[in-house]
C-alpha atoms as a PDB file:
ATOM      1  CA  MET A   1     -48.959 -70.321  74.726  1.00  0.00           C
ATOM      2  CA  ALA A   2     -47.238 -67.174  75.963  1.00  0.00           C
ATOM      3  CA  SER A   3     -44.400 -65.756  73.918  1.00  0.00           C
ATOM      4  CA  GLU A   4     -40.977 -65.219  75.437  1.00  0.00           C
ATOM      5  CA  SER A   5     -41.554 -61.454  75.551  1.00  0.00           C
ATOM      6  CA  THR A   6     -44.444 -62.000  77.971  1.00  0.00           C
ATOM      7  CA  THR A   7     -42.664 -64.629  80.055  1.00  0.00           C
ATOM      8  CA  GLY A   8     -39.515 -62.639  80.721  1.00  0.00           C
ATOM      9  CA  PRO A   9     -38.517 -61.376  84.143  1.00  0.00           C
ATOM     10  CA  TYR A  10     -40.850 -58.389  83.939  1.00  0.00           C
ATOM     11  CA  SER A  11     -44.606 -58.953  83.931  1.00  0.00           C
ATOM     12  CA  LEU A  12     -46.840 -56.992  81.616  1.00  0.00           C
ATOM     13  CA  ILE A  13     -49.313 -54.531  83.105  1.00  0.00           C
ATOM     14  CA  PRO A  14     -52.810 -55.947  82.635  1.00  0.00           C
ATOM     15  CA  LEU A  15     -55.271 -53.880  80.647  1.00  0.00           C
ATOM     16  CA  PRO A  16     -58.224 -52.625  82.646  1.00  0.00           C
ATOM     17  CA  GLU A  17     -61.447 -54.472  82.014  1.00  0.00           C
ATOM     18  CA  GLY A  18     -65.122 -53.657  82.101  1.00  0.00           C
ATOM     19  CA  VAL A  19     -66.488 -50.142  82.000  1.00  0.00           C
ATOM     20  CA  MET A  20     -63.109 -48.515  81.357  1.00  0.00           C
ATOM     21  CA  THR A  21     -62.545 -50.357  78.074  1.00  0.00           C
ATOM     22  CA  GLN A  22     -66.183 -50.078  77.071  1.00  0.00           C
ATOM     23  CA  THR A  23     -66.167 -46.280  77.418  1.00  0.00           C
ATOM     24  CA  VAL A  24     -62.677 -45.563  76.101  1.00  0.00           C
ATOM     25  CA  ASP A  25     -64.038 -43.704  73.071  1.00  0.00           C
ATOM     26  CA  LYS A  26     -66.212 -41.455  75.266  1.00  0.00           C
ATOM     27  CA  ASP A  27     -63.936 -40.728  78.214  1.00  0.00           C
ATOM     28  CA  PRO A  28     -60.472 -39.176  77.690  1.00  0.00           C
ATOM     29  CA  LYS A  29     -59.342 -40.333  81.158  1.00  0.00           C
ATOM     30  CA  ASN A  30     -59.990 -43.949  80.222  1.00  0.00           C
ATOM     31  CA  MET A  31     -58.159 -43.472  76.928  1.00  0.00           C
ATOM     32  CA  MET A  32     -55.161 -42.041  78.795  1.00  0.00           C
ATOM     33  CA  VAL A  33     -55.070 -44.959  81.248  1.00  0.00           C
ATOM     34  CA  ILE A  34     -55.213 -47.525  78.465  1.00  0.00           C
ATOM     35  CA  ASP A  35     -52.589 -45.653  76.418  1.00  0.00           C
ATOM     36  CA  MET A  36     -50.282 -45.541  79.452  1.00  0.00           C
ATOM     37  CA  VAL A  37     -50.654 -49.289  79.991  1.00  0.00           C
ATOM     38  CA  LEU A  38     -49.948 -50.043  76.327  1.00  0.00           C
ATOM     39  CA  VAL A  39     -46.908 -47.745  76.102  1.00  0.00           C
ATOM     40  CA  HIS A  40     -45.385 -49.082  79.304  1.00  0.00           C
ATOM     41  CA  ASN A  41     -45.986 -52.650  78.111  1.00  0.00           C
ATOM     42  CA  VAL A  42     -43.935 -51.827  74.996  1.00  0.00           C
ATOM     43  CA  PHE A  43     -41.046 -50.895  77.296  1.00  0.00           C
ATOM     44  CA  ILE A  44     -41.526 -54.043  79.377  1.00  0.00           C
ATOM     45  CA  ARG A  45     -41.503 -56.211  76.246  1.00  0.00           C
ATOM     46  CA  ALA A  46     -38.331 -54.469  75.060  1.00  0.00           C
ATOM     47  CA  MET A  47     -36.597 -55.060  78.410  1.00  0.00           C
ATOM     48  CA  ASN A  48     -37.729 -58.699  78.376  1.00  0.00           C
ATOM     49  CA  SER A  49     -36.369 -59.106  74.836  1.00  0.00           C
ATOM     50  CA  ILE A  50     -32.990 -57.789  75.979  1.00  0.00           C
ATOM     51  CA  HIS A  51     -32.945 -60.159  78.947  1.00  0.00           C
ATOM     52  CA  ILE A  52     -34.004 -63.161  76.864  1.00  0.00           C
ATOM     53  CA  ASN A  53     -31.751 -62.505  73.870  1.00  0.00           C
ATOM     54  CA  ALA A  54     -28.553 -61.322  75.575  1.00  0.00           C
ATOM     55  CA  PRO A  55     -27.220 -64.858  76.166  1.00  0.00           C
ATOM     56  CA  LYS A  56     -28.008 -65.809  72.542  1.00  0.00           C
ATOM     57  CA  VAL A  57     -26.059 -62.995  70.860  1.00  0.00           C
ATOM     58  CA  ILE A  58     -23.123 -64.233  68.826  1.00  0.00           C
ATOM     59  CA  PRO A  59     -19.904 -62.170  68.789  1.00  0.00           C
ATOM     60  CA  ARG A  60     -20.417 -60.647  65.331  1.00  0.00           C
ATOM     61  CA  ASP A  61     -23.884 -59.386  66.406  1.00  0.00           C
ATOM     62  CA  VAL A  62     -22.727 -57.753  69.652  1.00  0.00           C
ATOM     63  CA  PRO A  63     -22.466 -54.209  68.199  1.00  0.00           C
ATOM     64  CA  ALA A  64     -25.991 -54.414  66.738  1.00  0.00           C
ATOM     65  CA  PHE A  65     -27.380 -55.823  69.983  1.00  0.00           C
ATOM     66  CA  ILE A  66     -25.695 -53.079  72.005  1.00  0.00           C
ATOM     67  CA  GLY A  67     -27.217 -50.551  69.605  1.00  0.00           C
ATOM     68  CA  TYR A  68     -30.635 -52.098  70.209  1.00  0.00           C
ATOM     69  CA  CYS A  69     -30.135 -51.980  73.994  1.00  0.00           C
ATOM     70  CA  LEU A  70     -29.035 -48.344  73.876  1.00  0.00           C
ATOM     71  CA  THR A  71     -32.017 -47.442  71.688  1.00  0.00           C
ATOM     72  CA  VAL A  72     -34.405 -49.076  74.165  1.00  0.00           C
ATOM     73  CA  LEU A  73     -32.805 -47.231  77.078  1.00  0.00           C
ATOM     74  CA  GLN A  74     -32.775 -43.883  75.248  1.00  0.00           C
ATOM     75  CA  THR A  75     -36.445 -44.335  74.361  1.00  0.00           C
ATOM     76  CA  ILE A  76     -37.358 -45.095  77.974  1.00  0.00           C
ATOM     77  CA  GLU A  77     -35.303 -42.120  79.165  1.00  0.00           C
ATOM     78  CA  PHE A  78     -37.002 -39.819  76.631  1.00  0.00           C
ATOM     79  CA  HIS A  79     -40.432 -41.094  77.680  1.00  0.00           C
ATOM     80  CA  HIS A  80     -39.574 -40.543  81.358  1.00  0.00           C
ATOM     81  CA  HIS A  81     -38.396 -36.996  80.617  1.00  0.00           C
ATOM     82  CA  LEU A  82     -41.599 -36.300  78.673  1.00  0.00           C
ATOM     83  CA  GLU A  83     -43.710 -37.557  81.582  1.00  0.00           C
ATOM     84  CA  GLU A  84     -41.792 -35.514  84.155  1.00  0.00           C
ATOM     85  CA  GLU A  85     -41.704 -32.287  82.149  1.00  0.00           C
ATOM     86  CA  THR A  86     -45.067 -32.365  80.381  1.00  0.00           C
ATOM     87  CA  ILE A  87     -47.615 -34.919  81.538  1.00  0.00           C
ATOM     88  CA  PHE A  88     -47.117 -35.022  85.310  1.00  0.00           C
ATOM     89  CA  PRO A  89     -47.216 -31.226  85.830  1.00  0.00           C
ATOM     90  CA  VAL A  90     -50.571 -31.081  84.016  1.00  0.00           C
ATOM     91  CA  LEU A  91     -51.897 -34.002  86.060  1.00  0.00           C
ATOM     92  CA  GLU A  92     -50.645 -32.442  89.307  1.00  0.00           C
ATOM     93  CA  LYS A  93     -52.422 -29.208  88.452  1.00  0.00           C
ATOM     94  CA  LYS A  94     -55.653 -31.073  87.687  1.00  0.00           C
ATOM     95  CA  ILE A  95     -55.374 -33.248  90.808  1.00  0.00           C
ATOM     96  CA  GLY A  96     -54.715 -30.129  92.881  1.00  0.00           C
ATOM     97  CA  GLU A  97     -57.814 -28.510  91.438  1.00  0.00           C
ATOM     98  CA  ILE A  98     -59.813 -31.650  92.178  1.00  0.00           C
ATOM     99  CA  SER A  99     -58.402 -31.799  95.711  1.00  0.00           C
ATOM    100  CA  GLN A 100     -59.437 -28.195  96.343  1.00  0.00           C
ATOM    101  CA  ASN A 101     -62.947 -28.976  95.109  1.00  0.00           C
ATOM    102  CA  VAL A 102     -63.157 -31.964  97.456  1.00  0.00           C
ATOM    103  CA  VAL A 103     -62.017 -29.843 100.418  1.00  0.00           C
ATOM    104  CA  ILE A 104     -64.495 -27.088  99.569  1.00  0.00           C
ATOM    105  CA  GLU A 105     -67.333 -29.543  98.926  1.00  0.00           C
ATOM    106  CA  TYR A 106     -66.748 -31.960 101.804  1.00  0.00           C
ATOM    107  CA  GLY A 107     -64.574 -29.978 104.225  1.00  0.00           C
END
């Protein structure tokens, strides 16, 4: 039976199967893909928990629940900033290098 955090409005990203998971310890690209899926699924579960639990919060727990919601959003914002400022520029550089190699190799 699926838990509420997996049956919320946002679906989890499925983990890749087959060769990618079998070679994760040998191939850094596969490790990065799997790590990205797992990290983003944490955010999806957190958003689902907010959606599922919001109607159940009693008045005395509203400040704590708001604190939880703000923490989730700040964490997602920090992660997004990290991707934009650190990870994506490195990937763009690598993809550009790969693209140039493809053009040179295959015209």
